[in-house]
PDB file of all heavy atoms in Angstrom:
ATOM      1  N   ALA A   1      -1.527 -52.841  -9.186  1.00  0.00           N
ATOM      2  CA  ALA A   1      -2.158 -53.197  -7.910  1.00  0.00           C
ATOM      3  C   ALA A   1      -2.386 -51.960  -7.053  1.00  0.00           C
ATOM      4  O   ALA A   1      -3.437 -51.804  -6.419  1.00  0.00           O
ATOM      5  CB  ALA A   1      -1.291 -54.204  -7.167  1.00  0.00           C
ATOM      6  N   CYS A   2      -1.414 -51.055  -7.050  1.00  0.00           N
ATOM      7  CA  CYS A   2      -1.549 -49.810  -6.288  1.00  0.00           C
ATOM      8  C   CYS A   2      -2.655 -48.937  -6.869  1.00  0.00           C
ATOM      9  O   CYS A   2      -3.477 -48.385  -6.127  1.00  0.00           O
ATOM     10  CB  CYS A   2      -0.216 -49.067  -6.268  1.00  0.00           C
ATOM     11  SG  CYS A   2      -0.261 -47.476  -5.409  1.00  0.00           S
ATOM     12  N   LEU A   3      -2.691 -48.814  -8.174  1.00  0.00           N
ATOM     13  CA  LEU A   3      -3.698 -47.974  -8.820  1.00  0.00           C
ATOM     14  C   LEU A   3      -5.108 -48.484  -8.554  1.00  0.00           C
ATOM     15  O   LEU A   3      -6.004 -47.708  -8.189  1.00  0.00           O
ATOM     16  CB  LEU A   3      -3.445 -47.913 -10.327  1.00  0.00           C
ATOM     17  CG  LEU A   3      -2.259 -47.070 -10.798  1.00  0.00           C
ATOM     18  CD1 LEU A   3      -2.111 -47.156 -12.314  1.00  0.00           C
ATOM     19  CD2 LEU A   3      -2.417 -45.621 -10.367  1.00  0.00           C
ATOM     20  N   ILE A   4      -5.309 -49.781  -8.718  1.00  0.00           N
ATOM     21  CA  ILE A   4      -6.660 -50.318  -8.538  1.00  0.00           C
ATOM     22  C   ILE A   4      -7.062 -50.265  -7.076  1.00  0.00           C
ATOM     23  O   ILE A   4      -8.244 -50.108  -6.748  1.00  0.00           O
ATOM     24  CB  ILE A   4      -6.736 -51.757  -9.095  1.00  0.00           C
ATOM     25  CG1 ILE A   4      -8.183 -52.177  -9.250  1.00  0.00           C
ATOM     26  CG2 ILE A   4      -6.001 -52.734  -8.210  1.00  0.00           C
ATOM     27  CD1 ILE A   4      -8.988 -51.297 -10.163  1.00  0.00           C
ATOM     28  N   LEU A   5      -6.097 -50.374  -6.174  1.00  0.00           N
ATOM     29  CA  LEU A   5      -6.399 -50.254  -4.746  1.00  0.00           C
ATOM     30  C   LEU A   5      -6.880 -48.842  -4.428  1.00  0.00           C
ATOM     31  O   LEU A   5      -7.864 -48.649  -3.694  1.00  0.00           O
ATOM     32  CB  LEU A   5      -5.156 -50.594  -3.929  1.00  0.00           C
ATOM     33  CG  LEU A   5      -5.287 -50.540  -2.405  1.00  0.00           C
ATOM     34  CD1 LEU A   5      -6.322 -51.548  -1.927  1.00  0.00           C
ATOM     35  CD2 LEU A   5      -3.943 -50.818  -1.753  1.00  0.00           C
ATOM     36  N   VAL A   6      -6.208 -47.841  -4.983  1.00  0.00           N
ATOM     37  CA  VAL A   6      -6.590 -46.449  -4.743  1.00  0.00           C
ATOM     38  C   VAL A   6      -7.924 -46.133  -5.424  1.00  0.00           C
ATOM     39  O   VAL A   6      -8.816 -45.518  -4.825  1.00  0.00           O
ATOM     40  CB  VAL A   6      -5.489 -45.495  -5.235  1.00  0.00           C
ATOM     41  CG1 VAL A   6      -5.955 -44.043  -5.153  1.00  0.00           C
ATOM     42  CG2 VAL A   6      -4.220 -45.681  -4.405  1.00  0.00           C
ATOM     43  N   PHE A   7      -8.067 -46.571  -6.689  1.00  0.00           N
ATOM     44  CA  PHE A   7      -9.306 -46.309  -7.426  1.00  0.00           C
ATOM     45  C   PHE A   7     -10.508 -46.898  -6.696  1.00  0.00           C
ATOM     46  O   PHE A   7     -11.507 -46.213  -6.446  1.00  0.00           O
ATOM     47  CB  PHE A   7      -9.228 -46.900  -8.839  1.00  0.00           C
ATOM     48  CG  PHE A   7      -8.365 -46.116  -9.778  1.00  0.00           C
ATOM     49  CD1 PHE A   7      -8.046 -46.594 -11.035  1.00  0.00           C
ATOM     50  CD2 PHE A   7      -7.846 -44.880  -9.401  1.00  0.00           C
ATOM     51  CE1 PHE A   7      -7.243 -45.865 -11.905  1.00  0.00           C
ATOM     52  CE2 PHE A   7      -7.035 -44.148 -10.256  1.00  0.00           C
ATOM     53  CZ  PHE A   7      -6.741 -44.649 -11.513  1.00  0.00           C
ATOM     54  N   ASN A   8     -10.410 -48.171  -6.355  1.00  0.00           N
ATOM     55  CA  ASN A   8     -11.551 -48.845  -5.744  1.00  0.00           C
ATOM     56  C   ASN A   8     -11.717 -48.493  -4.277  1.00  0.00           C
ATOM     57  O   ASN A   8     -12.814 -48.596  -3.745  1.00  0.00           O
ATOM     58  CB  ASN A   8     -11.411 -50.368  -5.890  1.00  0.00           C
ATOM     59  CG  ASN A   8     -11.964 -50.861  -7.210  1.00  0.00           C
ATOM     60  OD1 ASN A   8     -12.409 -50.070  -8.031  1.00  0.00           O
ATOM     61  ND2 ASN A   8     -11.950 -52.150  -7.409  1.00  0.00           N
ATOM     62  N   GLY A   9     -10.634 -48.104  -3.610  1.00  0.00           N
ATOM     63  CA  GLY A   9     -10.744 -47.712  -2.211  1.00  0.00           C
ATOM     64  C   GLY A   9     -11.309 -46.319  -2.061  1.00  0.00           C
ATOM     65  O   GLY A   9     -12.431 -46.120  -1.588  1.00  0.00           O
ATOM     66  N   ILE A  10     -10.562 -45.327  -2.518  1.00  0.00           N
ATOM     67  CA  ILE A  10     -10.986 -43.934  -2.369  1.00  0.00           C
ATOM     68  C   ILE A  10     -12.123 -43.604  -3.329  1.00  0.00           C
ATOM     69  O   ILE A  10     -13.106 -42.958  -2.948  1.00  0.00           O
ATOM     70  CB  ILE A  10      -9.788 -42.998  -2.590  1.00  0.00           C
ATOM     71  CG1 ILE A  10      -8.714 -43.266  -1.524  1.00  0.00           C
ATOM     72  CG2 ILE A  10     -10.225 -41.540  -2.555  1.00  0.00           C
ATOM     73  CD1 ILE A  10      -7.479 -42.422  -1.665  1.00  0.00           C
ATOM     74  N   GLY A  11     -12.002 -44.072  -4.584  1.00  0.00           N
ATOM     75  CA  GLY A  11     -13.031 -43.751  -5.575  1.00  0.00           C
ATOM     76  C   GLY A  11     -14.390 -44.318  -5.204  1.00  0.00           C
ATOM     77  O   GLY A  11     -15.404 -43.615  -5.230  1.00  0.00           O
ATOM     78  N   LEU A  12     -14.421 -45.602  -4.841  1.00  0.00           N
ATOM     79  CA  LEU A  12     -15.701 -46.197  -4.485  1.00  0.00           C
ATOM     80  C   LEU A  12     -16.215 -45.691  -3.147  1.00  0.00           C
ATOM     81  O   LEU A  12     -17.422 -45.631  -2.924  1.00  0.00           O
ATOM     82  CB  LEU A  12     -15.574 -47.722  -4.449  1.00  0.00           C
ATOM     83  CG  LEU A  12     -15.521 -48.396  -5.819  1.00  0.00           C
ATOM     84  CD1 LEU A  12     -15.471 -49.898  -5.662  1.00  0.00           C
ATOM     85  CD2 LEU A  12     -16.716 -48.013  -6.671  1.00  0.00           C
ATOM     86  N   ALA A  13     -15.291 -45.352  -2.242  1.00  0.00           N
ATOM     87  CA  ALA A  13     -15.732 -44.756  -0.975  1.00  0.00           C
ATOM     88  C   ALA A  13     -16.482 -43.454  -1.251  1.00  0.00           C
ATOM     89  O   ALA A  13     -17.543 -43.195  -0.671  1.00  0.00           O
ATOM     90  CB  ALA A  13     -14.541 -44.508  -0.066  1.00  0.00           C
ATOM     91  N   ALA A  14     -15.924 -42.637  -2.160  1.00  0.00           N
ATOM     92  CA  ALA A  14     -16.607 -41.401  -2.530  1.00  0.00           C
ATOM     93  C   ALA A  14     -17.941 -41.703  -3.212  1.00  0.00           C
ATOM     94  O   ALA A  14     -18.948 -41.018  -2.983  1.00  0.00           O
ATOM     95  CB  ALA A  14     -15.714 -40.575  -3.455  1.00  0.00           C
ATOM     96  N   PHE A  15     -17.953 -42.760  -4.046  1.00  0.00           N
ATOM     97  CA  PHE A  15     -19.198 -43.139  -4.724  1.00  0.00           C
ATOM     98  C   PHE A  15     -20.249 -43.560  -3.710  1.00  0.00           C
ATOM     99  O   PHE A  15     -21.412 -43.160  -3.803  1.00  0.00           O
ATOM    100  CB  PHE A  15     -18.929 -44.278  -5.709  1.00  0.00           C
ATOM    101  CG  PHE A  15     -20.177 -44.872  -6.305  1.00  0.00           C
ATOM    102  CD1 PHE A  15     -20.813 -44.258  -7.367  1.00  0.00           C
ATOM    103  CD2 PHE A  15     -20.718 -46.042  -5.797  1.00  0.00           C
ATOM    104  CE1 PHE A  15     -21.973 -44.792  -7.913  1.00  0.00           C
ATOM    105  CE2 PHE A  15     -21.867 -46.587  -6.332  1.00  0.00           C
ATOM    106  CZ  PHE A  15     -22.491 -45.955  -7.392  1.00  0.00           C
ATOM    107  N   TYR A  16     -19.857 -44.396  -2.749  1.00  0.00           N
ATOM    108  CA  TYR A  16     -20.813 -44.855  -1.733  1.00  0.00           C
ATOM    109  C   TYR A  16     -21.307 -43.691  -0.874  1.00  0.00           C
ATOM    110  O   TYR A  16     -22.476 -43.644  -0.492  1.00  0.00           O
ATOM    111  CB  TYR A  16     -20.172 -45.919  -0.847  1.00  0.00           C
ATOM    112  CG  TYR A  16     -20.111 -47.280  -1.488  1.00  0.00           C
ATOM    113  CD1 TYR A  16     -18.904 -47.948  -1.634  1.00  0.00           C
ATOM    114  CD2 TYR A  16     -21.264 -47.910  -1.933  1.00  0.00           C
ATOM    115  CE1 TYR A  16     -18.838 -49.203  -2.214  1.00  0.00           C
ATOM    116  CE2 TYR A  16     -21.218 -49.162  -2.514  1.00  0.00           C
ATOM    117  CZ  TYR A  16     -20.001 -49.801  -2.651  1.00  0.00           C
ATOM    118  OH  TYR A  16     -19.942 -51.038  -3.229  1.00  0.00           O
ATOM    119  N   ARG A  17     -20.379 -42.770  -0.554  1.00  0.00           N
ATOM    120  CA  ARG A  17     -20.823 -41.620   0.242  1.00  0.00           C
ATOM    121  C   ARG A  17     -21.827 -40.782  -0.549  1.00  0.00           C
ATOM    122  O   ARG A  17     -22.797 -40.272   0.006  1.00  0.00           O
ATOM    123  CB  ARG A  17     -19.611 -40.762   0.623  1.00  0.00           C
ATOM    124  CG  ARG A  17     -18.541 -41.421   1.460  1.00  0.00           C
ATOM    125  CD  ARG A  17     -19.029 -41.946   2.788  1.00  0.00           C
ATOM    126  NE  ARG A  17     -19.601 -43.271   2.688  1.00  0.00           N
ATOM    127  CZ  ARG A  17     -18.871 -44.386   2.604  1.00  0.00           C
ATOM    128  NH1 ARG A  17     -17.563 -44.316   2.612  1.00  0.00           N
ATOM    129  NH2 ARG A  17     -19.449 -45.559   2.530  1.00  0.00           N
ATOM    130  N   TYR A  18     -21.575 -40.622  -1.842  1.00  0.00           N
ATOM    131  CA  TYR A  18     -22.518 -39.876  -2.678  1.00  0.00           C
ATOM    132  C   TYR A  18     -23.857 -40.607  -2.740  1.00  0.00           C
ATOM    133  O   TYR A  18     -24.920 -39.982  -2.650  1.00  0.00           O
ATOM    134  CB  TYR A  18     -21.956 -39.705  -4.086  1.00  0.00           C
ATOM    135  CG  TYR A  18     -22.949 -39.130  -5.072  1.00  0.00           C
ATOM    136  CD1 TYR A  18     -23.231 -37.763  -5.090  1.00  0.00           C
ATOM    137  CD2 TYR A  18     -23.604 -39.956  -5.981  1.00  0.00           C
ATOM    138  CE1 TYR A  18     -24.158 -37.244  -5.985  1.00  0.00           C
ATOM    139  CE2 TYR A  18     -24.529 -39.446  -6.878  1.00  0.00           C
ATOM    140  CZ  TYR A  18     -24.793 -38.084  -6.874  1.00  0.00           C
ATOM    141  OH  TYR A  18     -25.701 -37.575  -7.761  1.00  0.00           O
ATOM    142  N   ASP A  19     -23.806 -41.936  -2.894  1.00  0.00           N
ATOM    143  CA  ASP A  19     -25.035 -42.720  -2.953  1.00  0.00           C
ATOM    144  C   ASP A  19     -25.812 -42.602  -1.644  1.00  0.00           C
ATOM    145  O   ASP A  19     -27.039 -42.460  -1.647  1.00  0.00           O
ATOM    146  CB  ASP A  19     -24.696 -44.190  -3.227  1.00  0.00           C
ATOM    147  CG  ASP A  19     -25.933 -45.051  -3.342  1.00  0.00           C
ATOM    148  OD1 ASP A  19     -26.681 -44.894  -4.315  1.00  0.00           O
ATOM    149  OD2 ASP A  19     -26.163 -45.877  -2.436  1.00  0.00           O
ATOM    150  N   GLU A  20     -25.082 -42.649  -0.518  1.00  0.00           N
ATOM    151  CA  GLU A  20     -25.748 -42.513   0.774  1.00  0.00           C
ATOM    152  C   GLU A  20     -26.337 -41.119   0.951  1.00  0.00           C
ATOM    153  O   GLU A  20     -27.445 -40.955   1.479  1.00  0.00           O
ATOM    154  CB  GLU A  20     -24.754 -42.805   1.897  1.00  0.00           C
ATOM    155  CG  GLU A  20     -24.404 -44.280   2.017  1.00  0.00           C
ATOM    156  CD  GLU A  20     -23.479 -44.533   3.176  1.00  0.00           C
ATOM    157  OE1 GLU A  20     -23.064 -43.541   3.835  1.00  0.00           O
ATOM    158  OE2 GLU A  20     -23.151 -45.703   3.434  1.00  0.00           O
ATOM    159  N   ALA A  21     -25.569 -40.101   0.501  1.00  0.00           N
ATOM    160  CA  ALA A  21     -26.086 -38.733   0.603  1.00  0.00           C
ATOM    161  C   ALA A  21     -27.351 -38.568  -0.243  1.00  0.00           C
ATOM    162  O   ALA A  21     -28.317 -37.910   0.175  1.00  0.00           O
ATOM    163  CB  ALA A  21     -25.022 -37.733   0.162  1.00  0.00           C
ATOM    164  N   LEU A  22     -27.337 -39.187  -1.439  1.00  0.00           N
ATOM    165  CA  LEU A  22     -28.525 -39.107  -2.290  1.00  0.00           C
ATOM    166  C   LEU A  22     -29.709 -39.806  -1.641  1.00  0.00           C
ATOM    167  O   LEU A  22     -30.836 -39.300  -1.652  1.00  0.00           O
ATOM    168  CB  LEU A  22     -28.214 -39.745  -3.650  1.00  0.00           C
ATOM    169  CG  LEU A  22     -29.338 -39.721  -4.691  1.00  0.00           C
ATOM    170  CD1 LEU A  22     -29.744 -38.291  -5.004  1.00  0.00           C
ATOM    171  CD2 LEU A  22     -28.923 -40.457  -5.954  1.00  0.00           C
ATOM    172  N   ARG A  23     -29.439 -40.979  -1.046  1.00  0.00           N
ATOM    173  CA  ARG A  23     -30.511 -41.699  -0.357  1.00  0.00           C
ATOM    174  C   ARG A  23     -31.027 -40.887   0.832  1.00  0.00           C
ATOM    175  O   ARG A  23     -32.231 -40.873   1.112  1.00  0.00           O
ATOM    176  CB  ARG A  23     -30.011 -43.059   0.118  1.00  0.00           C
ATOM    177  CG  ARG A  23     -29.744 -44.043  -1.008  1.00  0.00           C
ATOM    178  CD  ARG A  23     -29.103 -45.317  -0.469  1.00  0.00           C
ATOM    179  NE  ARG A  23     -28.817 -46.243  -1.530  1.00  0.00           N
ATOM    180  CZ  ARG A  23     -29.668 -47.175  -1.977  1.00  0.00           C
ATOM    181  NH1 ARG A  23     -30.865 -47.278  -1.405  1.00  0.00           N
ATOM    182  NH2 ARG A  23     -29.348 -47.986  -2.943  1.00  0.00           N
ATOM    183  N   ASP A  24     -30.106 -40.218   1.544  1.00  0.00           N
ATOM    184  CA  ASP A  24     -30.527 -39.397   2.680  1.00  0.00           C
ATOM    185  C   ASP A  24     -31.418 -38.244   2.233  1.00  0.00           C
ATOM    186  O   ASP A  24     -32.399 -37.905   2.909  1.00  0.00           O
ATOM    187  CB  ASP A  24     -29.297 -38.852   3.419  1.00  0.00           C
ATOM    188  CG  ASP A  24     -28.571 -39.944   4.190  1.00  0.00           C
ATOM    189  OD1 ASP A  24     -29.176 -41.005   4.427  1.00  0.00           O
ATOM    190  OD2 ASP A  24     -27.389 -39.741   4.523  1.00  0.00           O
ATOM    191  N   ARG A  25     -31.035 -37.636   1.082  1.00  0.00           N
ATOM    192  CA  ARG A  25     -31.865 -36.533   0.577  1.00  0.00           C
ATOM    193  C   ARG A  25     -33.257 -37.024   0.193  1.00  0.00           C
ATOM    194  O   ARG A  25     -34.262 -36.371   0.464  1.00  0.00           O
ATOM    195  CB  ARG A  25     -31.183 -35.873  -0.623  1.00  0.00           C
ATOM    196  CG  ARG A  25     -29.985 -35.020  -0.248  1.00  0.00           C
ATOM    197  CD  ARG A  25     -29.617 -34.092  -1.384  1.00  0.00           C
ATOM    198  NE  ARG A  25     -29.189 -34.814  -2.572  1.00  0.00           N
ATOM    199  CZ  ARG A  25     -27.936 -35.155  -2.827  1.00  0.00           C
ATOM    200  NH1 ARG A  25     -26.988 -34.861  -1.944  1.00  0.00           N
ATOM    201  NH2 ARG A  25     -27.622 -35.786  -3.935  1.00  0.00           N
ATOM    202  N   ILE A  26     -33.316 -38.202  -0.443  1.00  0.00           N
ATOM    203  CA  ILE A  26     -34.620 -38.767  -0.806  1.00  0.00           C
ATOM    204  C   ILE A  26     -35.412 -39.101   0.448  1.00  0.00           C
ATOM    205  O   ILE A  26     -36.622 -38.832   0.533  1.00  0.00           O
ATOM    206  CB  ILE A  26     -34.420 -40.023  -1.680  1.00  0.00           C
ATOM    207  CG1 ILE A  26     -33.776 -39.631  -3.024  1.00  0.00           C
ATOM    208  CG2 ILE A  26     -35.752 -40.737  -1.909  1.00  0.00           C
ATOM    209  CD1 ILE A  26     -33.408 -40.815  -3.890  1.00  0.00           C
ATOM    210  N   GLN A  27     -34.713 -39.690   1.429  1.00  0.00           N
ATOM    211  CA  GLN A  27     -35.385 -40.026   2.671  1.00  0.00           C
ATOM    212  C   GLN A  27     -35.880 -38.774   3.391  1.00  0.00           C
ATOM    213  O   GLN A  27     -36.966 -38.766   3.969  1.00  0.00           O
ATOM    214  CB  GLN A  27     -34.426 -40.812   3.568  1.00  0.00           C
ATOM    215  CG  GLN A  27     -35.062 -41.305   4.858  1.00  0.00           C
ATOM    216  CD  GLN A  27     -34.098 -42.108   5.698  1.00  0.00           C
ATOM    217  OE1 GLN A  27     -32.925 -42.210   5.377  1.00  0.00           O
ATOM    218  NE2 GLN A  27     -34.589 -42.669   6.792  1.00  0.00           N
ATOM    219  N   TYR A  28     -35.078 -37.712   3.329  1.00  0.00           N
ATOM    220  CA  TYR A  28     -35.475 -36.468   3.988  1.00  0.00           C
ATOM    221  C   TYR A  28     -36.700 -35.863   3.306  1.00  0.00           C
ATOM    222  O   TYR A  28     -37.617 -35.366   3.970  1.00  0.00           O
ATOM    223  CB  TYR A  28     -34.312 -35.497   3.978  1.00  0.00           C
ATOM    224  CG  TYR A  28     -34.660 -34.142   4.560  1.00  0.00           C
ATOM    225  CD1 TYR A  28     -34.916 -33.994   5.918  1.00  0.00           C
ATOM    226  CD2 TYR A  28     -34.740 -33.016   3.746  1.00  0.00           C
ATOM    227  CE1 TYR A  28     -35.247 -32.772   6.452  1.00  0.00           C
ATOM    228  CE2 TYR A  28     -35.061 -31.785   4.264  1.00  0.00           C
ATOM    229  CZ  TYR A  28     -35.314 -31.664   5.625  1.00  0.00           C
ATOM    230  OH  TYR A  28     -35.639 -30.451   6.151  1.00  0.00           O
ATOM    231  N   ARG A  29     -36.725 -35.917   1.979  1.00  0.00           N
ATOM    232  CA  ARG A  29     -37.891 -35.400   1.272  1.00  0.00           C
ATOM    233  C   ARG A  29     -39.137 -36.213   1.614  1.00  0.00           C
ATOM    234  O   ARG A  29     -40.225 -35.660   1.792  1.00  0.00           O
ATOM    235  CB  ARG A  29     -37.634 -35.445  -0.238  1.00  0.00           C
ATOM    236  CG  ARG A  29     -36.600 -34.420  -0.711  1.00  0.00           C
ATOM    237  CD  ARG A  29     -36.384 -34.505  -2.207  1.00  0.00           C
ATOM    238  NE  ARG A  29     -35.376 -33.541  -2.653  1.00  0.00           N
ATOM    239  CZ  ARG A  29     -34.960 -33.427  -3.914  1.00  0.00           C
ATOM    240  NH1 ARG A  29     -35.495 -34.206  -4.841  1.00  0.00           N
ATOM    241  NH2 ARG A  29     -34.047 -32.540  -4.242  1.00  0.00           N
ATOM    242  N   GLN A  30     -38.944 -37.532   1.707  1.00  0.00           N
ATOM    243  CA  GLN A  30     -40.072 -38.365   2.090  1.00  0.00           C
ATOM    244  C   GLN A  30     -40.517 -38.042   3.513  1.00  0.00           C
ATOM    245  O   GLN A  30     -41.713 -38.064   3.829  1.00  0.00           O
ATOM    246  CB  GLN A  30     -39.684 -39.845   1.980  1.00  0.00           C
ATOM    247  CG  GLN A  30     -40.825 -40.810   2.274  1.00  0.00           C
ATOM    248  CD  GLN A  30     -41.972 -40.649   1.292  1.00  0.00           C
ATOM    249  OE1 GLN A  30     -41.767 -40.551   0.091  1.00  0.00           O
ATOM    250  NE2 GLN A  30     -43.194 -40.619   1.818  1.00  0.00           N
ATOM    251  N   LEU A  31     -39.531 -37.728   4.351  1.00  0.00           N
ATOM    252  CA  LEU A  31     -39.860 -37.361   5.725  1.00  0.00           C
ATOM    253  C   LEU A  31     -40.702 -36.091   5.765  1.00  0.00           C
ATOM    254  O   LEU A  31     -41.670 -35.991   6.536  1.00  0.00           O
ATOM    255  CB  LEU A  31     -38.561 -37.162   6.515  1.00  0.00           C
ATOM    256  CG  LEU A  31     -38.712 -36.649   7.942  1.00  0.00           C
ATOM    257  CD1 LEU A  31     -39.451 -37.660   8.803  1.00  0.00           C
ATOM    258  CD2 LEU A  31     -37.354 -36.314   8.543  1.00  0.00           C
ATOM    259  N   ILE A  32     -40.329 -35.105   4.946  1.00  0.00           N
ATOM    260  CA  ILE A  32     -41.112 -33.871   4.913  1.00  0.00           C
ATOM    261  C   ILE A  32     -42.552 -34.153   4.479  1.00  0.00           C
ATOM    262  O   ILE A  32     -43.514 -33.624   5.053  1.00  0.00           O
ATOM    263  CB  ILE A  32     -40.463 -32.853   3.955  1.00  0.00           C
ATOM    264  CG1 ILE A  32     -39.073 -32.445   4.479  1.00  0.00           C
ATOM    265  CG2 ILE A  32     -41.336 -31.631   3.787  1.00  0.00           C
ATOM    266  CD1 ILE A  32     -39.107 -31.764   5.821  1.00  0.00           C
ATOM    267  N   ILE A  33     -42.681 -35.049   3.464  1.00  0.00           N
ATOM    268  CA  ILE A  33     -44.029 -35.406   3.015  1.00  0.00           C
ATOM    269  C   ILE A  33     -44.807 -36.077   4.138  1.00  0.00           C
ATOM    270  O   ILE A  33     -45.980 -35.757   4.400  1.00  0.00           O
ATOM    271  CB  ILE A  33     -43.939 -36.334   1.785  1.00  0.00           C
ATOM    272  CG1 ILE A  33     -43.316 -35.582   0.602  1.00  0.00           C
ATOM    273  CG2 ILE A  33     -45.320 -36.867   1.410  1.00  0.00           C
ATOM    274  CD1 ILE A  33     -43.033 -36.446  -0.599  1.00  0.00           C
ATOM    275  N   ASP A  34     -44.128 -37.026   4.826  1.00  0.00           N
ATOM    276  CA  ASP A  34     -44.796 -37.703   5.932  1.00  0.00           C
ATOM    277  C   ASP A  34     -45.185 -36.722   7.033  1.00  0.00           C
ATOM    278  O   ASP A  34     -46.254 -36.854   7.664  1.00  0.00           O
ATOM    279  CB  ASP A  34     -43.892 -38.795   6.503  1.00  0.00           C
ATOM    280  CG  ASP A  34     -43.687 -39.939   5.528  1.00  0.00           C
ATOM    281  OD1 ASP A  34     -44.499 -40.069   4.589  1.00  0.00           O
ATOM    282  OD2 ASP A  34     -42.710 -40.700   5.702  1.00  0.00           O
ATOM    283  N   GLN A  35     -44.296 -35.759   7.269  1.00  0.00           N
ATOM    284  CA  GLN A  35     -44.594 -34.773   8.304  1.00  0.00           C
ATOM    285  C   GLN A  35     -45.791 -33.907   7.942  1.00  0.00           C
ATOM    286  O   GLN A  35     -46.583 -33.510   8.811  1.00  0.00           O
ATOM    287  CB  GLN A  35     -43.363 -33.889   8.554  1.00  0.00           C
ATOM    288  CG  GLN A  35     -42.242 -34.601   9.293  1.00  0.00           C
ATOM    289  CD  GLN A  35     -41.020 -33.730   9.441  1.00  0.00           C
ATOM    290  OE1 GLN A  35     -40.953 -32.643   8.874  1.00  0.00           O
ATOM    291  NE2 GLN A  35     -40.058 -34.200  10.211  1.00  0.00           N
ATOM    292  N   VAL A  36     -45.926 -33.613   6.649  1.00  0.00           N
ATOM    293  CA  VAL A  36     -47.088 -32.837   6.216  1.00  0.00           C
ATOM    294  C   VAL A  36     -48.375 -33.608   6.523  1.00  0.00           C
ATOM    295  O   VAL A  36     -49.320 -33.077   7.129  1.00  0.00           O
ATOM    296  CB  VAL A  36     -46.993 -32.519   4.708  1.00  0.00           C
ATOM    297  CG1 VAL A  36     -48.300 -31.905   4.209  1.00  0.00           C
ATOM    298  CG2 VAL A  36     -45.832 -31.568   4.447  1.00  0.00           C
TER     299      VAL A  36
END
């Protein structure tokens, strides 16, 4: 129970942050295109 709590808590939090960062980078690139 402790292991799965840590894996899914911290591990997935890092995964979601990475996913959000990737989405932000894509959004930023799209923003540059829109700005052009």
